[in-house]
Protein backbone atom coordinates (compact mmCIF):
# COMPACT_ATOMS: atom_id res chain seq x y z
CA MET A 1 -3.42 0.79 35.61
CA ASN A 2 -7.05 1.30 34.65
CA ARG A 3 -8.45 4.76 34.29
CA ASP A 4 -11.52 5.80 36.15
CA ASN A 5 -13.90 6.88 33.43
CA GLU A 6 -15.64 9.32 35.70
CA SER A 7 -12.55 11.25 36.65
CA LYS A 8 -11.70 14.26 34.45
CA PRO A 9 -8.27 14.74 32.87
CA VAL A 10 -6.12 17.29 34.66
CA TYR A 11 -3.35 19.37 33.09
CA ALA A 12 0.07 18.68 34.72
CA GLU A 13 0.45 22.33 35.64
CA GLN A 14 -2.88 22.27 37.57
CA LEU A 15 -1.29 20.08 40.25
CA GLU A 16 0.96 22.93 41.13
CA LYS A 17 -1.89 25.11 42.44
CA PRO A 18 -1.54 25.70 46.17
CA GLY A 19 -4.27 24.63 48.52
CA VAL A 20 -6.01 22.33 45.98
CA GLU A 21 -6.23 18.55 46.64
CA TYR A 22 -6.57 16.06 43.81
CA THR A 23 -7.54 12.39 43.81
CA GLU A 24 -5.06 9.65 42.97
CA ASN A 25 -6.79 9.14 39.67
CA GLU A 26 -6.49 12.84 38.80
CA LYS A 27 -2.81 12.82 39.68
CA THR A 28 -2.29 9.67 37.54
CA ASP A 29 -4.09 11.29 34.60
CA ALA A 30 -1.92 14.41 34.90
CA ALA A 31 1.24 12.30 35.08
CA HIS A 32 0.27 10.32 31.98
CA ARG A 33 -0.56 13.54 30.19
CA ALA A 34 2.82 15.07 30.97
CA GLU A 35 4.51 11.94 29.76
CA ALA A 36 2.47 11.87 26.59
CA ILE A 37 3.35 15.50 25.88
CA GLU A 38 6.98 14.82 26.46
CA ALA A 39 6.96 11.76 24.09
CA GLU A 40 5.24 13.77 21.32
CA ASN A 41 7.75 16.60 21.69
CA VAL A 42 10.61 14.18 21.47
CA GLU A 43 9.27 12.74 18.23
CA HIS A 44 8.70 16.24 16.75
CA ASN A 45 12.26 17.29 17.57
CA MET A 46 13.88 14.21 16.07
CA THR A 47 15.62 14.37 12.76
CA VAL A 48 15.28 11.45 10.30
CA LEU A 49 18.81 10.27 11.16
CA GLN A 50 18.12 10.46 14.86
CA ALA A 51 14.95 8.48 14.43
CA VAL A 52 16.79 5.73 12.61
CA LYS A 53 19.46 5.56 15.27
CA ALA A 54 16.82 5.50 18.08
CA TYR A 55 14.59 2.96 16.39
CA PRO A 56 16.89 0.59 14.34
CA MET A 57 14.67 -2.51 14.88
CA ALA A 58 11.47 -0.68 14.04
CA SER A 59 12.98 -0.01 10.57
CA PHE A 60 14.00 -3.70 10.31
CA TRP A 61 10.59 -5.04 11.24
CA ALA A 62 8.92 -2.57 8.88
CA PHE A 63 11.18 -4.01 6.20
CA VAL A 64 10.13 -7.54 7.08
CA PHE A 65 6.36 -6.82 6.95
CA SER A 66 6.79 -4.89 3.71
CA CYS A 67 8.34 -8.03 2.18
CA THR A 68 4.90 -9.67 2.27
CA ILE A 69 3.85 -7.34 -0.56
CA ILE A 70 6.51 -9.10 -2.86
CA MET A 71 4.11 -12.07 -3.05
CA GLU A 72 1.16 -10.18 -4.46
CA SER A 73 3.31 -8.15 -6.72
CA TYR A 74 5.09 -11.29 -8.01
CA ASP A 75 1.92 -13.01 -8.90
CA VAL A 76 0.17 -9.99 -10.38
CA PHE A 77 3.11 -9.28 -12.72
CA LEU A 78 3.52 -13.03 -13.36
CA ILE A 79 0.01 -13.34 -14.69
CA GLY A 80 0.55 -10.13 -16.64
CA ASN A 81 3.66 -11.58 -18.23
CA PHE A 82 2.15 -15.00 -18.76
CA VAL A 83 -0.27 -13.60 -21.38
CA ALA A 84 2.83 -12.57 -23.31
CA LEU A 85 4.92 -15.63 -22.58
CA PRO A 86 5.18 -17.96 -25.73
CA ALA A 87 5.02 -21.25 -23.72
CA PHE A 88 1.93 -20.18 -21.84
CA LYS A 89 0.26 -18.86 -24.98
CA LYS A 90 1.09 -22.17 -26.73
CA GLU A 91 -0.49 -24.24 -23.98
CA PHE A 92 -3.59 -22.07 -23.19
CA GLY A 93 -3.99 -19.76 -26.18
CA ILE A 94 -6.26 -19.77 -29.26
CA GLU A 95 -5.60 -19.21 -32.93
CA VAL A 96 -6.56 -15.74 -34.22
CA ALA A 97 -6.70 -14.77 -37.89
CA GLY A 98 -3.83 -12.49 -38.81
CA GLN A 99 -1.75 -13.49 -35.80
CA ALA A 100 1.30 -15.72 -36.28
CA ASP A 101 1.24 -17.08 -32.70
CA LYS A 102 -1.59 -18.11 -30.44
CA VAL A 103 -3.04 -15.45 -28.10
CA ILE A 104 -4.82 -15.77 -24.74
CA ALA A 105 -8.51 -15.09 -25.37
CA THR A 106 -9.61 -11.63 -24.20
CA GLN A 107 -12.11 -13.06 -21.70
CA TRP A 108 -9.54 -15.31 -20.05
CA GLN A 109 -6.85 -12.70 -20.20
CA SER A 110 -9.15 -10.43 -18.21
CA ALA A 111 -10.37 -13.26 -15.94
CA LEU A 112 -6.80 -14.18 -14.94
CA GLN A 113 -5.95 -10.58 -14.27
CA VAL A 114 -8.94 -10.13 -11.87
CA SER A 115 -8.96 -13.58 -10.26
CA GLY A 116 -6.25 -12.70 -7.63
CA GLN A 117 -8.00 -9.45 -6.96
CA LEU A 118 -11.31 -11.17 -6.33
CA GLY A 119 -9.61 -13.31 -3.75
CA ALA A 120 -7.81 -10.34 -2.25
CA LEU A 121 -11.12 -8.54 -2.01
CA ILE A 122 -12.31 -11.35 0.30
CA GLY A 123 -9.01 -11.16 2.14
CA VAL A 124 -9.18 -7.49 3.00
CA PHE A 125 -12.58 -7.94 4.57
CA VAL A 126 -11.27 -10.85 6.63
CA ALA A 127 -8.17 -8.84 7.56
CA GLY A 128 -9.87 -6.05 9.44
CA PRO A 129 -11.86 -8.12 12.07
CA LEU A 130 -9.10 -10.75 12.23
CA THR A 131 -6.36 -8.24 12.92
CA SER A 132 -8.50 -6.31 15.44
CA ARG A 133 -9.01 -9.55 17.29
CA ILE A 134 -5.58 -11.38 17.14
CA GLY A 135 -3.12 -8.69 16.15
CA TYR A 136 -0.97 -7.97 13.12
CA ARG A 137 1.59 -10.75 13.80
CA TYR A 138 -0.88 -13.70 13.96
CA ALA A 139 -3.07 -12.43 11.16
CA THR A 140 0.00 -12.21 8.89
CA LEU A 141 1.22 -15.67 9.96
CA THR A 142 -2.24 -17.05 9.08
CA GLY A 143 -2.01 -15.53 5.57
CA LEU A 144 1.54 -16.87 5.03
CA MET A 145 0.53 -20.43 5.89
CA LEU A 146 -2.54 -20.32 3.63
CA LEU A 147 -0.47 -19.07 0.72
CA ASN A 148 1.95 -21.97 1.04
CA ALA A 149 -0.98 -24.36 0.57
CA PHE A 150 -2.71 -22.48 -2.26
CA ILE A 151 0.46 -22.31 -4.41
CA PHE A 152 0.20 -26.07 -4.85
CA ILE A 153 -3.12 -25.65 -6.66
CA PHE A 154 -1.64 -23.07 -9.04
CA TYR A 155 1.43 -25.18 -9.74
CA PHE A 156 -0.51 -28.33 -10.65
CA ALA A 157 -3.33 -26.51 -12.65
CA ASN A 158 -3.70 -27.77 -16.17
CA SER A 159 -6.61 -25.66 -17.38
CA MET A 160 -7.75 -22.06 -17.36
CA PRO A 161 -10.61 -22.62 -14.88
CA VAL A 162 -8.30 -24.30 -12.36
CA ILE A 163 -5.72 -21.46 -12.72
CA PHE A 164 -8.57 -18.97 -12.16
CA ALA A 165 -9.68 -20.75 -8.99
CA ALA A 166 -6.09 -21.05 -7.72
CA GLN A 167 -5.55 -17.31 -8.18
CA ILE A 168 -8.76 -16.52 -6.25
CA LEU A 169 -7.47 -18.61 -3.33
CA GLU A 170 -4.01 -17.10 -3.42
CA GLY A 171 -5.62 -13.66 -3.40
CA ILE A 172 -7.16 -14.18 0.05
CA PRO A 173 -3.80 -14.03 1.95
CA TRP A 174 -2.66 -11.18 -0.38
CA GLY A 175 -5.67 -9.20 1.00
CA ILE A 176 -4.50 -9.84 4.53
CA PHE A 177 -0.91 -8.69 3.76
CA ILE A 178 -1.88 -5.61 1.85
CA ALA A 179 -4.38 -4.48 4.50
CA ASN A 180 -1.94 -5.08 7.43
CA ALA A 181 1.45 -4.07 6.12
CA PRO A 182 0.88 -0.30 5.74
CA ALA A 183 -0.93 -0.14 9.11
CA TYR A 184 1.75 -2.11 10.93
CA CYS A 185 4.59 -0.11 9.32
CA SER A 186 3.03 3.25 10.21
CA GLU A 187 2.39 2.20 13.83
CA ILE A 188 5.81 0.81 14.83
CA VAL A 189 8.00 3.68 13.67
CA PRO A 190 8.35 7.23 14.97
CA LEU A 191 6.84 10.24 13.22
CA ARG A 192 9.90 11.04 11.07
CA LEU A 193 10.09 7.49 9.69
CA ARG A 194 6.46 7.06 8.73
CA ALA A 195 7.02 8.08 5.11
CA PRO A 196 9.99 5.84 4.25
CA ALA A 197 8.59 2.95 6.24
CA THR A 198 5.28 2.87 4.38
CA GLN A 199 6.93 3.71 1.03
CA MET A 200 8.96 0.52 1.28
CA LEU A 201 5.70 -1.21 0.32
CA GLN A 202 5.99 0.30 -3.18
CA MET A 203 9.67 -0.68 -3.38
CA PHE A 204 8.84 -4.28 -2.65
CA TRP A 205 6.08 -4.12 -5.21
CA ALA A 206 8.76 -3.11 -7.69
CA ILE A 207 11.09 -5.91 -6.43
CA GLY A 208 8.35 -8.47 -7.08
CA SER A 209 8.08 -7.21 -10.59
CA ILE A 210 11.85 -7.29 -11.08
CA ILE A 211 12.02 -10.91 -10.06
CA VAL A 212 9.13 -11.79 -12.37
CA GLY A 213 10.73 -9.75 -15.21
CA ALA A 214 14.11 -11.53 -14.85
CA VAL A 215 12.52 -15.02 -14.61
CA THR A 216 10.15 -14.57 -17.64
CA TYR A 217 12.94 -12.90 -19.61
CA VAL A 218 15.11 -16.01 -19.11
CA TYR A 219 12.30 -18.38 -19.96
CA ASN A 220 10.87 -16.36 -22.87
CA PRO A 221 12.73 -18.36 -25.61
CA ILE A 222 11.62 -21.73 -24.08
CA THR A 223 8.38 -23.23 -25.39
CA GLU A 224 8.13 -26.14 -22.97
CA GLN A 225 5.90 -26.18 -19.75
CA ARG A 226 8.79 -25.49 -17.46
CA ALA A 227 8.87 -21.95 -18.91
CA TYR A 228 5.82 -21.14 -16.74
CA LYS A 229 5.95 -23.92 -14.17
CA ILE A 230 9.27 -22.87 -12.67
CA PRO A 231 8.16 -19.15 -12.26
CA ILE A 232 5.03 -20.48 -10.37
CA ALA A 233 7.14 -22.79 -8.15
CA LEU A 234 9.41 -19.80 -7.23
CA GLN A 235 6.52 -18.43 -5.23
CA TRP A 236 7.48 -20.92 -2.49
CA MET A 237 10.64 -18.89 -1.84
CA PHE A 238 8.72 -16.32 0.24
CA PRO A 239 6.13 -17.59 2.66
CA THR A 240 8.05 -19.88 5.02
CA PRO A 241 11.17 -17.64 5.62
CA LEU A 242 8.89 -14.66 6.20
CA ALA A 243 6.67 -16.66 8.55
CA ILE A 244 9.68 -17.48 10.72
CA LEU A 245 10.67 -13.78 10.87
CA VAL A 246 7.14 -12.55 11.51
CA PHE A 247 6.79 -15.04 14.37
CA PHE A 248 9.62 -13.35 16.18
CA ALA A 249 8.48 -9.78 15.34
CA PRO A 250 7.07 -7.51 18.07
CA GLU A 251 3.40 -6.78 17.94
CA SER A 252 2.40 -3.22 17.23
CA PRO A 253 2.48 -1.22 20.51
CA TRP A 254 -0.59 0.73 19.30
CA TRP A 255 -2.60 -2.44 18.91
CA LEU A 256 -1.45 -3.64 22.36
CA THR A 257 -2.34 -0.25 23.89
CA ARG A 258 -5.79 -0.39 22.27
CA LYS A 259 -6.24 -3.78 24.03
CA GLY A 260 -5.17 -2.25 27.37
CA LYS A 261 -1.94 -4.36 27.47
CA TYR A 262 0.28 -1.44 28.53
CA GLU A 263 3.19 -3.50 29.94
CA GLN A 264 3.37 -5.56 26.66
CA ALA A 265 3.18 -2.34 24.64
CA ALA A 266 6.14 -0.94 26.64
CA HIS A 267 8.12 -4.10 26.06
CA SER A 268 7.31 -3.93 22.29
CA ILE A 269 8.57 -0.30 22.14
CA GLU A 270 11.79 -1.36 23.87
CA ARG A 271 12.29 -4.06 21.20
CA LEU A 272 11.64 -1.51 18.46
CA GLY A 273 14.03 1.18 19.79
CA ARG A 274 17.21 1.53 21.78
CA ARG A 275 16.42 1.45 25.54
CA SER A 276 19.00 4.13 26.16
CA GLN A 277 17.25 6.50 23.73
CA VAL A 278 13.59 5.54 24.12
CA ASN A 279 11.30 6.14 27.09
CA SER A 280 8.76 3.38 26.72
CA ALA A 281 6.58 4.71 29.56
CA ASP A 282 6.22 8.07 27.87
CA GLN A 283 5.53 6.42 24.52
CA VAL A 284 2.72 4.33 25.94
CA SER A 285 1.19 7.38 27.60
CA MET A 286 1.26 9.19 24.24
CA MET A 287 -0.55 6.26 22.64
CA ARG A 288 -3.09 6.12 25.52
CA ARG A 289 -3.78 9.87 25.05
CA VAL A 290 -4.64 9.39 21.39
CA ILE A 291 -6.69 6.20 21.96
CA GLU A 292 -8.61 7.91 24.76
CA MET A 293 -9.41 10.80 22.47
CA GLU A 294 -10.93 8.32 20.09
CA GLU A 295 -12.58 6.31 22.83
CA SER A 296 -15.90 4.77 22.21
CA THR A 297 -18.13 2.29 24.13
CA LYS A 298 -18.78 0.38 20.90
CA LYS A 299 -16.54 -2.19 19.41
CA PRO A 300 -14.94 -1.05 16.04
CA SER A 301 -17.24 -1.81 13.17
CA TYR A 302 -17.42 -1.11 9.45
CA ILE A 303 -20.52 1.03 10.05
CA GLU A 304 -18.43 3.52 12.07
CA LEU A 305 -16.18 4.12 9.01
CA PHE A 306 -19.02 6.00 7.37
CA LYS A 307 -20.15 8.18 10.31
CA GLY A 308 -18.98 11.67 11.36
CA THR A 309 -15.39 12.70 10.73
CA ASP A 310 -14.42 9.08 10.19
CA ALA A 311 -16.45 9.15 6.92
CA ARG A 312 -14.09 11.81 5.58
CA ARG A 313 -11.04 9.79 6.58
CA THR A 314 -12.49 6.63 4.96
CA PHE A 315 -13.21 8.57 1.78
CA ILE A 316 -9.57 9.80 1.51
CA VAL A 317 -8.16 6.31 2.06
CA CYS A 318 -10.63 4.77 -0.43
CA PHE A 319 -10.03 7.54 -3.00
CA VAL A 320 -6.23 7.25 -2.84
CA TYR A 321 -6.40 3.48 -3.19
CA ALA A 322 -8.85 3.67 -6.13
CA ALA A 323 -6.82 6.41 -7.87
CA GLN A 324 -3.88 4.04 -8.23
CA ASN A 325 -5.88 2.19 -10.95
CA LEU A 326 -6.95 5.33 -12.73
CA THR A 327 -3.61 7.10 -13.26
CA GLY A 328 -1.65 4.70 -15.46
CA ASN A 329 -0.85 1.93 -12.95
CA LEU A 330 -2.40 -0.75 -15.09
CA ILE A 331 -0.02 0.06 -17.93
CA ALA A 332 2.81 -0.72 -15.47
CA ASN A 333 1.12 -4.00 -14.40
CA GLN A 334 0.88 -5.13 -18.04
CA ALA A 335 4.09 -3.47 -19.21
CA VAL A 336 5.43 -6.33 -21.33
CA TYR A 337 2.10 -6.94 -23.06
CA PHE A 338 1.73 -3.11 -23.61
CA PHE A 339 5.16 -2.99 -25.22
CA GLN A 340 4.27 -5.91 -27.52
CA GLN A 341 1.05 -4.21 -28.59
CA ALA A 342 3.05 -0.97 -29.16
CA GLY A 343 4.86 -2.89 -31.91
CA VAL A 344 8.26 -3.87 -30.43
CA SER A 345 9.71 -7.41 -30.57
CA ASP A 346 9.04 -10.02 -27.92
CA ASN A 347 12.67 -10.00 -26.60
CA LEU A 348 12.77 -6.19 -26.50
CA ALA A 349 9.32 -6.12 -24.77
CA PHE A 350 10.54 -8.45 -21.99
CA ALA A 351 13.81 -6.50 -21.68
CA LEU A 352 11.91 -3.19 -21.44
CA GLY A 353 9.66 -4.77 -18.80
CA LEU A 354 12.67 -5.69 -16.76
CA ILE A 355 14.20 -2.25 -17.18
CA THR A 356 10.87 -0.63 -16.13
CA SER A 357 10.78 -2.73 -12.91
CA ALA A 358 14.42 -1.93 -12.06
CA LEU A 359 13.88 1.84 -12.57
CA GLN A 360 10.70 1.70 -10.48
CA MET A 361 12.71 0.41 -7.52
CA ILE A 362 15.23 3.19 -7.89
CA PHE A 363 12.61 5.85 -8.22
CA VAL A 364 10.81 4.58 -5.16
CA MET A 365 13.98 5.05 -3.11
CA LEU A 366 14.24 8.60 -4.52
CA SER A 367 10.66 9.20 -3.45
CA TRP A 368 11.71 8.61 0.24
CA ILE A 369 13.70 11.83 0.06
CA LEU A 370 11.02 13.81 -1.77
CA THR A 371 8.13 12.73 0.54
CA THR A 372 10.11 13.08 3.75
CA TYR A 373 11.25 16.68 2.98
CA TYR A 374 8.55 18.00 0.68
CA GLY A 375 5.40 16.36 2.01
CA ARG A 376 2.83 13.92 0.84
CA ARG A 377 0.21 16.15 -0.72
CA SER A 378 2.61 18.13 -2.93
CA ILE A 379 4.39 15.11 -4.24
CA TYR A 380 1.10 13.31 -4.87
CA LEU A 381 -0.44 16.34 -6.73
CA TRP A 382 2.64 17.16 -8.82
CA GLY A 383 3.26 13.50 -9.72
CA SER A 384 -0.37 12.97 -10.68
CA ALA A 385 -0.24 16.10 -12.92
CA VAL A 386 2.90 14.96 -14.74
CA ASN A 387 1.49 11.50 -15.21
CA THR A 388 -1.75 12.85 -16.70
CA ILE A 389 0.16 14.97 -19.23
CA LEU A 390 2.39 11.97 -20.24
CA LEU A 391 -0.65 9.75 -20.65
CA VAL A 392 -2.27 12.19 -23.06
CA CYS A 393 1.17 12.41 -24.94
CA LEU A 394 1.06 8.57 -25.17
CA GLY A 395 -2.30 8.79 -26.90
CA ILE A 396 -1.09 11.39 -29.28
CA ALA A 397 2.03 9.25 -30.16
CA ALA A 398 -0.31 6.34 -30.97
CA SER A 399 -2.53 8.54 -33.11
CA VAL A 400 0.12 9.70 -35.62
CA GLY A 401 0.21 6.53 -37.63
CA LYS A 402 2.11 3.22 -37.79
CA SER A 403 5.87 3.66 -37.96
CA ASN A 404 8.97 2.43 -36.16
CA ALA A 405 9.41 5.91 -34.62
CA ALA A 406 5.83 5.98 -33.39
CA ASN A 407 6.17 2.49 -31.91
CA LEU A 408 9.33 3.47 -30.05
CA ALA A 409 7.71 6.71 -28.89
CA GLN A 410 4.82 4.73 -27.46
CA ALA A 411 7.12 2.21 -25.74
CA SER A 412 9.25 5.01 -24.26
CA LEU A 413 6.26 6.93 -22.96
CA GLY A 414 4.75 3.74 -21.51
CA LEU A 415 8.04 3.15 -19.73
CA ILE A 416 8.25 6.75 -18.45
CA VAL A 417 4.58 6.70 -17.21
CA SER A 418 5.19 3.39 -15.39
CA VAL A 419 8.42 4.67 -13.76
CA LEU A 420 7.30 8.13 -12.78
CA PHE A 421 4.21 6.71 -11.18
CA THR A 422 6.53 5.16 -8.58
CA LEU A 423 8.23 8.47 -7.92
CA GLY A 424 5.16 10.47 -7.03
CA PRO A 425 1.57 9.18 -6.71
CA ALA A 426 2.30 5.53 -5.78
CA PRO A 427 4.68 5.89 -2.85
CA ALA A 428 2.91 9.01 -1.54
CA SER A 429 -0.32 6.97 -1.62
CA TRP A 430 1.02 4.43 0.92
CA VAL A 431 2.03 7.23 3.31
CA ILE A 432 -1.36 8.89 3.04
CA ILE A 433 -3.12 5.58 3.57
CA GLY A 434 -1.03 4.75 6.65
CA GLU A 435 -1.58 8.16 8.27
CA THR A 436 -5.18 9.04 7.52
CA SER A 437 -7.28 6.53 9.47
CA ALA A 438 -8.04 6.72 13.16
CA ILE A 439 -5.89 4.47 15.31
CA ARG A 440 -8.97 2.70 16.70
CA LEU A 441 -10.40 1.86 13.26
CA ARG A 442 -7.09 1.48 11.31
CA PRO A 443 -7.31 -2.29 10.54
CA LEU A 444 -10.87 -1.79 9.23
CA THR A 445 -10.08 1.40 7.32
CA THR A 446 -7.06 -0.05 5.48
CA GLY A 447 -9.19 -3.10 4.71
CA ILE A 448 -12.14 -1.20 3.24
CA GLY A 449 -9.69 1.07 1.39
CA ARG A 450 -7.92 -1.83 -0.24
CA ALA A 451 -11.32 -3.38 -1.01
CA THR A 452 -12.12 -0.21 -2.91
CA TYR A 453 -8.88 -0.61 -4.83
CA TYR A 454 -9.95 -4.06 -6.00
CA ILE A 455 -13.53 -3.01 -6.69
CA VAL A 456 -12.20 -0.27 -9.03
CA GLU A 457 -9.38 -2.35 -10.42
CA ILE A 458 -11.43 -5.32 -11.53
CA PRO A 459 -13.52 -3.47 -14.17
CA CYS A 460 -10.43 -1.40 -15.10
CA ILE A 461 -8.50 -4.59 -15.83
CA PHE A 462 -11.28 -5.75 -18.11
CA LEU A 463 -11.19 -2.34 -19.83
CA ALA A 464 -7.35 -2.28 -20.08
CA SER A 465 -7.25 -5.84 -21.50
CA TYR A 466 -10.00 -5.00 -24.00
CA MET A 467 -8.19 -1.79 -25.09
CA LEU A 468 -4.88 -3.57 -25.65
CA ASN A 469 -5.96 -6.98 -26.92
CA PRO A 470 -5.97 -7.45 -30.75
CA THR A 471 -9.27 -9.40 -30.34
CA GLY A 472 -10.75 -6.46 -28.42
CA GLY A 473 -10.35 -2.75 -28.99
CA ASN A 474 -6.78 -3.03 -30.28
CA LEU A 475 -6.11 0.62 -29.19
CA GLY A 476 -2.44 0.22 -28.18
CA GLY A 477 -1.07 3.50 -26.94
CA LYS A 478 -4.40 5.30 -27.56
CA CYS A 479 -5.51 3.98 -24.17
CA GLY A 480 -3.43 6.95 -22.87
CA TYR A 481 -6.43 9.18 -23.69
CA VAL A 482 -8.64 7.14 -21.44
CA TRP A 483 -6.25 6.99 -18.48
CA GLY A 484 -5.30 10.57 -18.99
CA GLY A 485 -8.99 11.53 -18.56
CA THR A 486 -9.47 9.50 -15.44
CA GLY A 487 -6.10 10.79 -14.12
CA LEU A 488 -7.31 14.35 -14.51
CA ILE A 489 -10.44 13.66 -12.51
CA CYS A 490 -8.32 12.07 -9.73
CA LEU A 491 -5.95 15.08 -9.71
CA ILE A 492 -8.78 17.54 -9.18
CA THR A 493 -10.34 15.39 -6.44
CA ALA A 494 -7.05 15.10 -4.62
CA TYR A 495 -6.45 18.81 -4.70
CA PHE A 496 -9.60 19.47 -2.70
CA PHE A 497 -9.65 16.40 -0.40
CA VAL A 498 -6.12 15.10 0.35
CA PRO A 499 -4.50 17.05 3.18
CA GLU A 500 -0.75 17.43 4.04
CA MET A 501 0.02 15.28 7.05
CA LYS A 502 3.86 15.71 6.97
CA GLY A 503 5.27 16.32 10.49
CA ARG A 504 1.85 15.66 12.19
CA SER A 505 1.48 13.36 15.13
CA TYR A 506 -1.52 11.06 15.26
CA ARG A 507 -2.99 13.35 17.93
CA GLU A 508 -2.78 16.34 15.70
CA ILE A 509 -4.19 14.48 12.72
CA ASP A 510 -7.15 13.42 14.91
CA ILE A 511 -7.76 17.02 15.96
CA LEU A 512 -7.49 18.49 12.48
CA PHE A 513 -10.10 16.03 11.21
CA LYS A 514 -12.44 16.71 14.14
CA ARG A 515 -12.11 20.41 13.48
CA LYS A 516 -13.03 19.80 9.87
CA VAL A 517 -10.07 21.85 8.58
CA ASP A 518 -10.06 22.15 4.85
CA ALA A 519 -7.40 19.93 3.14
CA ARG A 520 -5.69 22.99 1.60
CA HIS A 521 -5.27 24.70 4.97
CA TRP A 522 -3.68 21.95 7.09
CA THR A 523 -0.11 23.30 6.70
CA LYS A 524 -1.26 26.70 7.99
CA THR A 525 -3.15 25.42 11.07
CA GLU A 526 -1.32 25.26 14.35
CA ILE A 527 -2.23 22.74 17.08
CA ASP A 528 -1.17 23.36 20.67
CA VAL A 529 0.58 20.47 22.40
CA ASN A 530 -2.07 20.66 25.19
CA ASP A 531 -5.09 20.41 22.83
CA ASP A 532 -7.23 17.29 22.92
CA GLU A 533 -10.01 18.48 20.61
């Protein structure tokens, strides 16, 4: 039923006033409002366990969409491991004085690391308008089919320039996945499950690195082409099965409500939850209430992201994305190569890389508990502080001279930094990203946020490669000083700008941003259930 824009919303209790007559539109508005309040109260009063029982399929479909992140993770870590893989170095490396084996030239090492990100940068700008127009399901399906085709180019590449081009093309669908997955996951689950649903993205990032670590560990001793051809071919494991599942997935009810498809939104909610425990009409009314609060006569555009209170929300999303590259994450992405440059043997380096990935997955699961019960801001800040300290310790360990003990200390600290990053800052980031943007602008906000991630990551990759490569800065663990410095800047920025959104409905988040409440005071600010501004 369409709402008459000229009628004013009426509180449900106003209809009880004797002797006052209301129009049908006013009565309908009041009924929708009462349903919206009821739905929000139900979500607030749910425990985590009750939310899982009420929305079992929402958890499943969040799991499915999170799986798309495996593909970017797999390829990012694959390229990171290829620069350390003997067969790949033998085929594409160069001779360097003082080095027993060939090495990948610094410029190509950096170029390969950024090629996928360049493509993904294109993909995230495509994702926003595409998803706003055709929805999360069909945008993701488009990306999966494109990826299937682009893997062929990578597999048959026989030179660095072709590999570089193939990685750019593969990056385009990655950008669609990484922009859509956190938004979709945060929209299909109830309030209590937003943290674990979006944090699954980090877990699947770790799973992708585990698969790469296991495959490259097996093929490390082999010097034939199949040592890197088979890991490339294994990428075909993912797109087609995922495409079949995504085809049968429900569309986000928030996206359907934004499009005015209320009956389809209600049907989607019924597919996500148990009909006996979920009132789809109330849920749709709650979504309509939030969307009407954000109502605008203009179509969503990138320009809007930088106006009014949306500019603050965009800044937070962009900052949190960018900070992932400035707090030690790049050490994790090049873990095997870092361990080699720290002075450990090739076999031990690949083993440590695999151990790092396995521990990351375990620590991401532990982060579900921490973020659900202790909040996003606190976990993000404390995790960032610990990481910054450990990065400085890494630099100190690399400064005490060359020895077996110093090498092991660097390798150990590199492993700890990589693992603890997935306990605090990384998983908390995904929750913050999923919750911060306005519903109406969410596809565009997550897209521009991830674009910021790549814009910051690309020069950082060149810097990281230069610092570690023996043909470059050859700093080894001393790079900890650099990342420790940038990590400290990010920590201070987060303290002043990143708010605590734990337990807040999207309506409450909208209101807190509109009221311009300081990030440090969100937990102390109360929002009445009847407030709309």
